[in-house]
Protein backbone atom coordinates (compact mmCIF):
# COMPACT_ATOMS: atom_id res chain seq x y z
CA MET A 1 57.93 124.26 61.56
CA LYS A 2 55.43 122.22 63.01
CA LYS A 3 54.79 124.70 65.54
CA PHE A 4 55.49 127.81 62.80
CA PHE A 5 52.00 126.78 61.06
CA ALA A 6 50.40 126.30 64.04
CA ILE A 7 50.98 129.43 65.33
CA ALA A 8 50.12 130.72 61.58
CA ALA A 9 47.09 129.52 60.79
CA LEU A 10 45.63 130.48 64.59
CA LEU A 11 46.41 133.91 63.46
CA VAL A 12 44.30 133.56 60.20
CA ALA A 13 41.49 131.53 61.70
CA THR A 14 41.66 135.05 64.23
CA LEU A 15 41.62 137.71 61.54
CA THR A 16 38.95 135.59 59.87
CA VAL A 17 37.09 135.10 62.95
CA SER A 18 36.98 139.74 63.49
CA ALA A 19 35.98 140.39 59.84
CA GLN A 20 33.26 138.43 60.16
CA ASP A 21 30.89 140.61 62.32
CA TYR A 22 27.81 139.89 60.52
CA ASN A 23 26.92 137.48 57.22
CA TRP A 24 24.53 140.33 55.31
CA ALA A 25 23.89 144.42 55.64
CA ILE A 26 21.21 145.75 53.89
CA GLY A 27 20.40 149.84 54.39
CA LEU A 28 20.62 153.19 52.94
CA ARG A 29 23.77 155.21 51.57
CA GLY A 30 23.72 159.19 51.88
CA GLY A 31 25.93 161.78 49.40
CA GLY A 32 26.61 161.84 45.82
CA PHE A 33 24.29 158.93 44.84
CA SER A 34 21.82 158.04 47.20
CA GLY A 35 20.28 154.75 47.69
CA LEU A 36 20.06 151.80 48.72
CA THR A 37 22.59 149.13 49.58
CA ALA A 38 23.27 145.53 49.77
CA LYS A 39 25.90 143.69 51.42
CA GLN A 40 27.61 139.80 51.55
CA ASN A 41 30.33 139.55 53.96
CA MET A 42 32.78 136.25 53.03
CA GLY A 43 35.25 135.59 56.28
CA GLY A 44 37.66 139.23 55.56
CA THR A 45 36.12 140.49 51.83
CA ALA A 46 32.80 141.04 50.75
CA ILE A 47 30.31 141.71 47.78
CA GLU A 48 28.31 145.31 48.15
CA ALA A 49 25.60 146.49 45.68
CA GLY A 50 23.76 149.49 45.73
CA LEU A 51 21.16 150.85 43.27
CA SER A 52 21.06 155.11 43.67
CA LEU A 53 18.82 157.59 42.51
CA TYR A 54 20.41 160.81 41.20
CA ASN A 55 19.94 164.17 39.16
CA GLY A 56 16.05 162.17 37.90
CA GLY A 57 17.90 158.95 36.83
CA PHE A 58 19.36 155.64 38.31
CA ALA A 59 22.59 154.31 39.15
CA ILE A 60 23.09 150.54 39.82
CA ASP A 61 27.01 149.38 41.21
CA GLY A 62 28.72 146.79 42.26
CA VAL A 63 31.92 146.59 44.55
CA TYR A 64 34.49 143.56 45.52
CA GLU A 65 35.91 144.84 48.72
CA TRP A 66 38.75 143.68 50.68
CA GLN A 67 38.58 144.49 54.24
CA GLU A 68 41.04 144.72 57.21
CA PRO A 69 40.40 145.20 62.00
CA VAL A 70 41.64 148.98 62.32
CA ILE A 71 41.79 151.40 65.11
CA GLY A 72 39.73 148.60 67.32
CA GLU A 73 36.88 146.56 68.11
CA GLY A 74 33.65 146.61 65.27
CA PHE A 75 36.12 149.51 62.97
CA HIS A 76 37.16 147.99 59.72
CA LEU A 77 38.95 149.91 57.25
CA TYR A 78 37.34 148.20 53.21
CA TYR A 79 38.76 148.81 50.05
CA GLY A 80 37.97 147.81 46.05
CA ALA A 81 36.82 148.09 42.70
CA GLY A 82 34.04 147.16 41.06
CA ALA A 83 31.39 148.22 37.91
CA TYR A 84 28.60 150.58 37.97
CA ALA A 85 26.37 151.30 34.99
CA GLN A 86 23.74 154.50 35.25
CA VAL A 87 20.47 156.06 33.22
CA ALA A 88 20.07 160.31 34.07
CA GLY A 89 17.68 161.94 31.38
CA GLU A 90 19.44 161.32 28.29
CA PHE A 91 22.21 160.16 29.44
CA PHE A 92 23.93 156.71 29.61
CA GLY A 93 26.69 155.94 30.84
CA LEU A 94 29.51 152.07 32.03
CA GLY A 95 32.39 152.53 34.15
CA ALA A 96 34.52 150.93 36.46
CA GLU A 97 34.94 152.60 40.62
CA ALA A 98 36.87 152.44 43.32
CA VAL A 99 35.92 152.33 47.22
CA ILE A 100 37.44 153.22 50.27
CA GLY A 101 36.19 153.69 53.51
CA LEU A 102 35.65 153.40 57.45
CA GLU A 103 33.13 150.75 59.02
CA TYR A 104 32.15 150.84 62.29
CA ARG A 105 29.21 147.80 62.93
CA LEU A 106 27.69 148.25 66.90
CA PRO A 107 28.11 145.51 69.69
CA ILE A 108 26.30 142.93 68.76
CA ASN A 109 22.86 142.98 70.47
CA PHE A 110 22.46 146.67 68.12
CA PRO A 111 22.62 145.36 64.77
CA LEU A 112 24.07 148.74 62.69
CA ALA A 113 27.22 148.99 61.19
CA ILE A 114 27.34 152.55 59.66
CA SER A 115 30.47 153.75 57.13
CA LEU A 116 32.01 156.73 55.47
CA ASP A 117 33.12 156.03 52.16
CA TYR A 118 35.22 157.37 48.89
CA ARG A 119 34.31 155.83 45.29
CA PRO A 120 35.21 157.84 42.20
CA GLY A 121 34.71 156.65 38.86
CA ILE A 122 35.12 156.61 35.26
CA ASN A 123 32.68 156.11 32.70
CA VAL A 124 34.67 154.36 29.95
CA LEU A 125 31.55 153.67 27.65
CA GLY A 126 28.30 155.81 27.29
CA ASP A 127 27.04 159.25 26.13
CA ALA A 128 30.06 161.23 27.42
CA GLY A 129 32.87 159.16 26.14
CA VAL A 130 36.16 158.64 28.55
CA GLN A 131 35.67 160.80 31.52
CA PHE A 132 37.03 160.71 35.17
CA TRP A 133 34.82 161.58 37.32
CA GLY A 134 35.99 162.93 41.25
CA GLY A 135 34.40 160.62 42.86
CA ASN A 136 31.49 161.60 46.62
CA PHE A 137 31.54 160.99 49.50
CA GLY A 138 28.71 159.36 51.35
CA LEU A 139 27.84 158.25 54.69
CA GLY A 140 26.36 155.01 54.97
CA ILE A 141 23.59 153.10 58.08
CA LYS A 142 22.73 149.12 57.45
CA TYR A 143 21.13 146.69 59.59
CA CYS A 144 23.02 143.50 59.83
CA PHE A 145 21.77 140.27 60.23
């Protein structure tokens, strides 16, 4: 039984270390909502926030993400949920969003990460009432430190 717990602890530690390719990242995301992003990794999970410009307005969002190593070294699948607020002209909305994406962290001597994700959402409060929007695909590039 002691061997089982030792192996389980080693496995958890290995997975946690592999998920910590960087502590912080700041970058740009292009897509339906294009703008600045900041991400903090926390060992298998992360918090990501964004400030986007669109339709003469802006949106801020924040998502909590889970991260899983996939494919090979440097690749992580991430998925999660969060909230956003948006203002565009006369429109104001608050809503919930989900995210699923794939991130590739370039080798350590080149501190960049590239990501592709999809973010659907639903306006739950605002001028348009409750309204599902199909979301958007985005391509991101972040400086990691």
